[in-house]
Amino acid sequence: MRLFVQEEVWPLKTVFRIAHGARTEARVVSVTLVEEDGTTGRGECVPYPRYGESPLSVIAQIEALRETIENGIDNQQLLDLMPPCAARNAIDCAIWHLNCKKSGKRIWELAGLPEPKPVQSAYTIVIDEHDKMVEAALEAKNYPLLKIKIGSYDDIDAIVEIGKVRNDANFIIDANESLDENGFKTLLSKTSHMNVDLIEQPFKVNEDGALRKIASPIAICADESFHSGRDIEKTVQQYDAVNVKLDKTGGFTEALAAIRAAQRAGQKTMMGCMVGTSLVTAPAVILANLVDWVDLDGPLFMAKDREFGLEINNGIIQPPKEQLWG
């Protein structure tokens, strides 16, 4: 088997701005595994600077395992060799895809899952001038679930204004670690009249113990504080839900295990994603059938997507075509 790995740059339609920064392009790393008979499996990951990753560091991690991978490796062996990270995600998904091609079965058959159905995804309103955030929410009038990004205390006012013009919608509020206790309490107070389903990661990872002493009528979801199933023991003490992302868990294999671990612990689950092409999102769509909330709109922000990209209409995502993945 031969391994091919490369960085790819995909421009976005507009600036994607969150509390951790802004970007105008998606820098991804793609992995292709090719058997001697030409059978191929593909995977993609999105290196995330918040976790100390870059395309160069991810490629170096993958290259360090080149010989092992090319000699043949299964998903469980990969979990034993690499920690949860973006690099492992690309390899893990490429192995699953290769096995689908070799067996002639779809991914849900190999993973022992029900055949996936279309899922309703949230649509993200990124941080901007408040009037532009309101305008974006109005333009997304066909989306029943909006995810509003905020980066400071001041952005709470944008949420309130969006709530006035989109009282037909439900909301997920994503703070990306940008609030303190006062800001979080203000957020709860000012959004009490809105249909807010979930608030993501209000505090920094090392400060989220404060959640234990704040009574919230709205479910609180761990994002930066949750990477894989090993984090459940901690998050269950402070959060009501966890955001499962393939680039955090390190692939489809651990993401499935993490969802099941969270559900056994009584936590609700959301399937999230980084901003990348349909190839990085496709495995998450399969798992999205298992969770309470879905936030997989990443491909909608791409100026151009991969061939056979995901079909998304008003936030309803169809299962991936086999020509794309799985």
Protein backbone atom coordinates (compact mmCIF):
# COMPACT_ATOMS: atom_id res chain seq x y z
CA MET A 1 0.00 0.00 0.00
CA ARG A 2 1.17 3.53 -0.78
CA LEU A 3 0.46 6.66 1.24
CA PHE A 4 -0.01 10.10 -0.35
CA VAL A 5 -0.34 13.16 1.89
CA GLN A 6 -0.52 16.82 0.95
CA GLU A 7 -1.69 20.23 2.11
CA GLU A 8 -4.53 21.80 0.13
CA VAL A 9 -5.84 25.37 0.28
CA TRP A 10 -9.52 25.99 -0.40
CA PRO A 11 -10.79 29.60 -0.50
CA LEU A 12 -13.91 30.54 1.45
CA LYS A 13 -16.85 32.60 0.15
CA THR A 14 -16.48 35.15 2.94
CA VAL A 15 -14.43 35.77 6.08
CA PHE A 16 -15.16 33.17 8.75
CA ARG A 17 -14.59 34.94 12.07
CA ILE A 18 -14.90 33.40 15.54
CA ALA A 19 -13.44 34.25 18.96
CA HIS A 20 -10.18 32.45 18.12
CA GLY A 21 -9.55 34.39 14.91
CA ALA A 22 -10.60 34.87 11.30
CA ARG A 23 -9.81 33.04 8.09
CA THR A 24 -10.47 33.47 4.38
CA GLU A 25 -9.39 29.98 3.35
CA ALA A 26 -9.49 26.43 4.63
CA ARG A 27 -6.02 24.85 4.87
CA VAL A 28 -6.56 21.11 4.98
CA VAL A 29 -4.40 18.02 4.81
CA SER A 30 -5.60 15.18 2.60
CA VAL A 31 -4.54 11.55 2.88
CA THR A 32 -4.92 8.95 0.14
CA LEU A 33 -4.16 5.26 0.60
CA VAL A 34 -3.65 3.24 -2.58
CA GLU A 35 -3.52 -0.56 -2.74
CA GLU A 36 -1.45 -2.37 -5.37
CA ASP A 37 -4.61 -3.07 -7.37
CA GLY A 38 -5.45 0.66 -7.46
CA THR A 39 -8.15 0.61 -4.77
CA THR A 40 -8.06 3.93 -2.93
CA GLY A 41 -9.29 5.37 0.34
CA ARG A 42 -9.40 9.08 1.18
CA GLY A 43 -9.47 11.17 4.31
CA GLU A 44 -9.14 14.84 5.17
CA CYS A 45 -8.40 16.83 8.29
CA VAL A 46 -8.34 20.49 9.28
CA PRO A 47 -5.31 21.40 11.44
CA TYR A 48 -6.43 23.80 14.17
CA PRO A 49 -4.03 26.39 15.64
CA ARG A 50 -6.01 26.49 18.91
CA TYR A 51 -4.68 22.98 19.55
CA GLY A 52 -1.15 23.75 18.38
CA GLU A 53 -1.64 22.26 14.92
CA SER A 54 -0.59 23.45 11.48
CA PRO A 55 -0.55 21.74 8.08
CA LEU A 56 3.22 21.24 8.44
CA SER A 57 2.96 19.69 11.91
CA VAL A 58 0.14 17.39 10.80
CA ILE A 59 2.03 16.24 7.72
CA ALA A 60 5.08 15.57 9.90
CA GLN A 61 2.97 13.41 12.25
CA ILE A 62 1.66 11.40 9.32
CA GLU A 63 5.08 11.04 7.68
CA ALA A 64 6.48 9.69 10.95
CA LEU A 65 4.12 6.73 10.54
CA ARG A 66 4.57 6.30 6.79
CA GLU A 67 6.34 2.93 6.97
CA THR A 68 3.83 1.51 9.46
CA ILE A 69 0.88 2.74 7.41
CA GLU A 70 2.24 1.45 4.11
CA ASN A 71 2.91 -1.96 5.69
CA GLY A 72 -0.77 -2.16 6.62
CA ILE A 73 -2.52 -0.80 9.69
CA ASP A 74 -6.06 -1.10 11.03
CA ASN A 75 -8.12 1.51 12.86
CA GLN A 76 -7.50 0.10 16.33
CA GLN A 77 -3.76 -0.05 15.80
CA LEU A 78 -3.87 3.58 14.69
CA LEU A 79 -5.63 4.58 17.94
CA ASP A 80 -2.85 2.89 19.87
CA LEU A 81 -0.11 4.69 17.91
CA MET A 82 -1.45 8.25 17.78
CA PRO A 83 -3.25 10.54 20.24
CA PRO A 84 -6.54 12.24 19.32
CA CYS A 85 -5.60 14.83 16.71
CA ALA A 86 -6.30 16.05 13.18
CA ALA A 87 -3.55 13.85 11.67
CA ARG A 88 -5.14 10.71 13.08
CA ASN A 89 -8.51 11.80 11.72
CA ALA A 90 -7.30 11.90 8.11
CA ILE A 91 -5.63 8.50 8.37
CA ASP A 92 -8.50 6.84 10.24
CA CYS A 93 -11.09 8.03 7.72
CA ALA A 94 -8.89 6.97 4.81
CA ILE A 95 -8.63 3.46 6.30
CA TRP A 96 -12.41 3.25 6.70
CA HIS A 97 -12.92 4.46 3.13
CA LEU A 98 -10.38 1.95 1.79
CA ASN A 99 -12.12 -0.87 3.63
CA CYS A 100 -15.45 0.20 2.15
CA LYS A 101 -13.97 0.02 -1.34
CA LYS A 102 -12.35 -3.37 -0.71
CA SER A 103 -15.47 -4.92 0.82
CA GLY A 104 -18.04 -3.35 -1.48
CA LYS A 105 -19.99 -2.20 1.58
CA ARG A 106 -21.01 1.25 2.75
CA ILE A 107 -19.53 2.70 5.91
CA TRP A 108 -22.62 2.17 8.03
CA GLU A 109 -22.62 -1.51 7.18
CA LEU A 110 -18.99 -1.89 8.21
CA ALA A 111 -19.51 0.11 11.42
CA GLY A 112 -22.72 -1.73 12.38
CA LEU A 113 -24.85 1.42 12.20
CA PRO A 114 -28.35 2.01 10.77
CA GLU A 115 -28.46 3.35 7.23
CA PRO A 116 -28.17 7.15 7.62
CA LYS A 117 -31.02 9.52 6.89
CA PRO A 118 -30.84 13.21 5.97
CA VAL A 119 -30.10 15.43 8.98
CA GLN A 120 -30.91 19.05 9.80
CA SER A 121 -27.81 21.12 10.47
CA ALA A 122 -27.45 24.45 12.19
CA TYR A 123 -26.27 27.40 10.09
CA THR A 124 -23.48 29.54 11.55
CA ILE A 125 -23.67 33.30 11.95
CA VAL A 126 -20.05 34.39 12.30
CA ILE A 127 -18.77 37.36 14.29
CA ASP A 128 -19.15 40.64 12.44
CA GLU A 129 -20.57 44.11 12.91
CA HIS A 130 -23.85 43.55 14.68
CA ASP A 131 -26.05 44.85 11.87
CA LYS A 132 -24.29 42.46 9.48
CA MET A 133 -24.89 39.55 11.86
CA VAL A 134 -28.60 40.44 11.93
CA GLU A 135 -28.60 40.69 8.13
CA ALA A 136 -26.95 37.25 7.86
CA ALA A 137 -29.60 35.77 10.16
CA LEU A 138 -32.35 37.24 7.99
CA GLU A 139 -30.72 35.89 4.84
CA ALA A 140 -30.75 32.45 6.48
CA LYS A 141 -34.53 32.63 6.85
CA ASN A 142 -34.97 29.03 5.65
CA TYR A 143 -32.73 27.66 8.40
CA PRO A 144 -34.68 26.72 11.55
CA LEU A 145 -31.54 26.38 13.70
CA LEU A 146 -28.92 29.14 13.85
CA LYS A 147 -25.56 28.93 15.58
CA ILE A 148 -24.40 32.40 16.64
CA LYS A 149 -20.70 32.96 17.23
CA ILE A 150 -19.65 35.55 19.80
CA GLY A 151 -16.21 36.76 20.79
CA SER A 152 -16.88 39.13 23.66
CA TYR A 153 -19.40 40.48 26.14
CA ASP A 154 -20.42 43.13 23.59
CA ASP A 155 -21.59 40.51 21.08
CA ILE A 156 -24.42 39.49 23.41
CA ASP A 157 -26.34 42.48 22.06
CA ALA A 158 -26.11 40.99 18.56
CA ILE A 159 -27.77 37.81 19.82
CA VAL A 160 -30.64 39.84 21.26
CA GLU A 161 -31.11 41.72 17.99
CA ILE A 162 -31.06 38.49 15.99
CA GLY A 163 -33.66 37.05 18.34
CA LYS A 164 -36.00 39.95 17.51
CA VAL A 165 -35.95 39.32 13.77
CA ARG A 166 -35.73 35.51 13.88
CA ASN A 167 -38.15 34.58 16.64
CA ASP A 168 -39.14 31.64 14.43
CA ALA A 169 -35.73 30.01 14.90
CA ASN A 170 -33.96 28.03 17.58
CA PHE A 171 -30.43 28.98 18.55
CA ILE A 172 -27.07 27.59 19.59
CA ILE A 173 -24.76 30.23 21.06
CA ASP A 174 -21.05 29.52 20.69
CA ALA A 175 -18.75 31.65 22.84
CA ASN A 176 -15.52 29.78 22.05
CA GLU A 177 -14.10 30.50 25.54
CA SER A 178 -14.74 34.26 25.28
CA LEU A 179 -16.81 35.02 28.41
CA ASP A 180 -16.15 35.49 32.11
CA GLU A 181 -18.67 34.72 34.86
CA ASN A 182 -20.34 38.13 34.62
CA GLY A 183 -20.61 37.86 30.86
CA PHE A 184 -22.09 34.38 31.07
CA LYS A 185 -24.70 35.46 33.61
CA THR A 186 -25.59 38.43 31.41
CA LEU A 187 -25.94 36.11 28.43
CA LEU A 188 -28.33 33.88 30.36
CA SER A 189 -30.38 36.88 31.47
CA LYS A 190 -30.62 38.58 28.08
CA THR A 191 -31.51 35.41 26.15
CA SER A 192 -34.03 33.96 28.62
CA HIS A 193 -36.91 34.89 26.27
CA MET A 194 -35.29 33.26 23.22
CA ASN A 195 -35.42 29.68 21.98
CA VAL A 196 -31.82 28.89 22.92
CA ASP A 197 -31.15 25.15 22.83
CA LEU A 198 -27.51 25.20 23.80
CA ILE A 199 -24.59 27.40 24.86
CA GLU A 200 -21.13 26.21 23.84
CA GLN A 201 -17.96 26.66 25.89
CA PRO A 202 -18.56 30.00 27.64
CA PHE A 203 -15.31 29.84 29.66
CA LYS A 204 -11.71 29.02 28.89
CA VAL A 205 -10.79 25.37 29.32
CA ASN A 206 -8.89 25.91 32.56
CA GLU A 207 -11.64 28.12 34.00
CA ASP A 208 -14.73 26.04 33.26
CA GLY A 209 -14.91 24.67 36.80
CA ALA A 210 -16.92 27.83 37.50
CA LEU A 211 -19.85 26.22 35.69
CA ARG A 212 -20.47 24.06 38.76
CA LYS A 213 -21.67 27.05 40.76
CA ILE A 214 -23.83 28.71 38.10
CA ALA A 215 -27.35 27.42 37.62
CA SER A 216 -28.24 27.56 33.94
CA PRO A 217 -31.71 26.84 32.52
CA ILE A 218 -30.01 26.28 29.16
CA ALA A 219 -27.89 23.22 28.40
CA ILE A 220 -24.15 23.95 28.36
CA CYS A 221 -21.94 22.15 25.85
CA ALA A 222 -18.21 21.41 26.06
CA ASP A 223 -16.24 22.07 22.89
CA GLU A 224 -12.63 23.06 23.58
CA SER A 225 -12.89 21.12 26.86
CA PHE A 226 -13.87 17.91 25.07
CA HIS A 227 -11.70 15.97 22.63
CA SER A 228 -12.35 12.24 23.06
CA GLY A 229 -14.14 9.72 25.23
CA ARG A 230 -11.40 9.97 27.83
CA ASP A 231 -12.69 13.47 28.70
CA ILE A 232 -16.18 12.33 29.66
CA GLU A 233 -15.32 11.81 33.32
CA LYS A 234 -14.47 15.50 33.62
CA THR A 235 -17.05 17.05 31.33
CA VAL A 236 -19.95 15.23 32.95
CA GLN A 237 -19.23 17.21 36.13
CA GLN A 238 -19.52 20.59 34.42
CA TYR A 239 -21.45 20.24 31.18
CA ASP A 240 -24.76 18.90 29.92
CA ALA A 241 -23.52 18.07 26.44
CA VAL A 242 -20.36 17.59 24.37
CA ASN A 243 -19.46 18.70 20.86
CA VAL A 244 -17.91 15.76 19.01
CA LYS A 245 -15.63 16.73 16.11
CA LEU A 246 -13.59 14.31 14.03
CA ASP A 247 -10.51 16.52 14.13
CA LYS A 248 -10.64 16.52 17.93
CA THR A 249 -11.39 12.84 18.45
CA GLY A 250 -8.88 11.82 15.81
CA GLY A 251 -11.24 10.15 13.40
CA PHE A 252 -14.47 8.26 12.83
CA THR A 253 -13.50 5.35 15.08
CA GLU A 254 -13.02 7.39 18.24
CA ALA A 255 -15.87 9.78 17.41
CA LEU A 256 -18.31 6.87 17.40
CA ALA A 257 -16.88 5.60 20.69
CA ALA A 258 -17.02 9.10 22.20
CA ILE A 259 -20.68 9.56 21.28
CA ARG A 260 -21.56 6.26 22.89
CA ALA A 261 -19.50 7.06 26.01
CA ALA A 262 -21.18 10.44 26.38
CA GLN A 263 -24.63 8.94 26.00
CA ARG A 264 -23.88 6.26 28.60
CA ALA A 265 -22.86 9.05 30.97
CA GLY A 266 -26.18 10.82 30.41
CA GLN A 267 -24.77 13.67 28.32
CA LYS A 268 -26.39 15.02 25.18
CA THR A 269 -24.28 15.17 22.05
CA MET A 270 -23.69 17.45 19.11
CA MET A 271 -21.84 16.54 15.93
CA GLY A 272 -19.68 19.47 14.91
CA CYS A 273 -16.97 20.19 12.36
CA MET A 274 -14.13 22.47 11.40
CA VAL A 275 -14.44 24.49 8.19
CA GLY A 276 -13.28 22.21 5.39
CA THR A 277 -14.52 20.46 2.28
CA SER A 278 -17.24 17.84 2.04
CA LEU A 279 -14.59 15.15 2.38
CA VAL A 280 -13.82 16.07 5.98
CA THR A 281 -17.53 16.51 6.76
CA ALA A 282 -18.89 13.33 5.15
CA PRO A 283 -17.88 10.92 7.97
CA ALA A 284 -19.49 13.26 10.49
CA VAL A 285 -22.77 13.15 8.55
CA ILE A 286 -22.94 9.40 9.12
CA LEU A 287 -22.51 9.90 12.87
CA ALA A 288 -24.91 12.85 12.91
CA ASN A 289 -27.78 10.37 12.87
CA LEU A 290 -26.80 9.38 16.43
CA VAL A 291 -26.73 12.81 18.13
CA ASP A 292 -29.06 15.50 19.51
CA TRP A 293 -27.77 18.49 17.52
CA VAL A 294 -25.96 18.75 14.20
CA ASP A 295 -23.58 21.54 13.18
CA LEU A 296 -22.05 20.43 9.89
CA ASP A 297 -22.40 23.48 7.66
CA GLY A 298 -18.66 23.79 6.93
CA PRO A 299 -18.93 23.01 3.20
CA LEU A 300 -21.45 25.85 2.77
CA PHE A 301 -18.66 28.36 3.42
CA MET A 302 -16.42 26.99 0.66
CA ALA A 303 -16.07 29.01 -2.54
CA LYS A 304 -15.54 25.66 -4.28
CA ASP A 305 -16.05 22.14 -2.96
CA ARG A 306 -14.85 18.68 -3.97
CA GLU A 307 -16.45 16.70 -6.75
CA PHE A 308 -19.50 14.77 -5.52
CA GLY A 309 -19.75 17.16 -2.55
CA LEU A 310 -22.45 16.86 0.08
CA GLU A 311 -25.96 17.90 -0.95
CA ILE A 312 -27.17 20.54 1.51
CA ASN A 313 -30.50 22.30 1.07
CA ASN A 314 -31.74 24.74 3.73
CA GLY A 315 -29.51 22.97 6.23
CA ILE A 316 -30.79 19.48 5.41
CA ILE A 317 -27.77 17.32 4.58
CA GLN A 318 -28.14 14.18 2.52
CA PRO A 319 -25.90 11.18 3.30
CA PRO A 320 -22.66 11.27 1.28
CA LYS A 321 -22.47 9.65 -2.13
CA GLU A 322 -20.14 6.67 -2.27
CA GLN A 323 -18.01 8.53 -4.84
CA LEU A 324 -17.17 11.06 -2.08
CA TRP A 325 -16.60 8.88 0.97
CA GLY A 326 -17.83 5.78 2.75
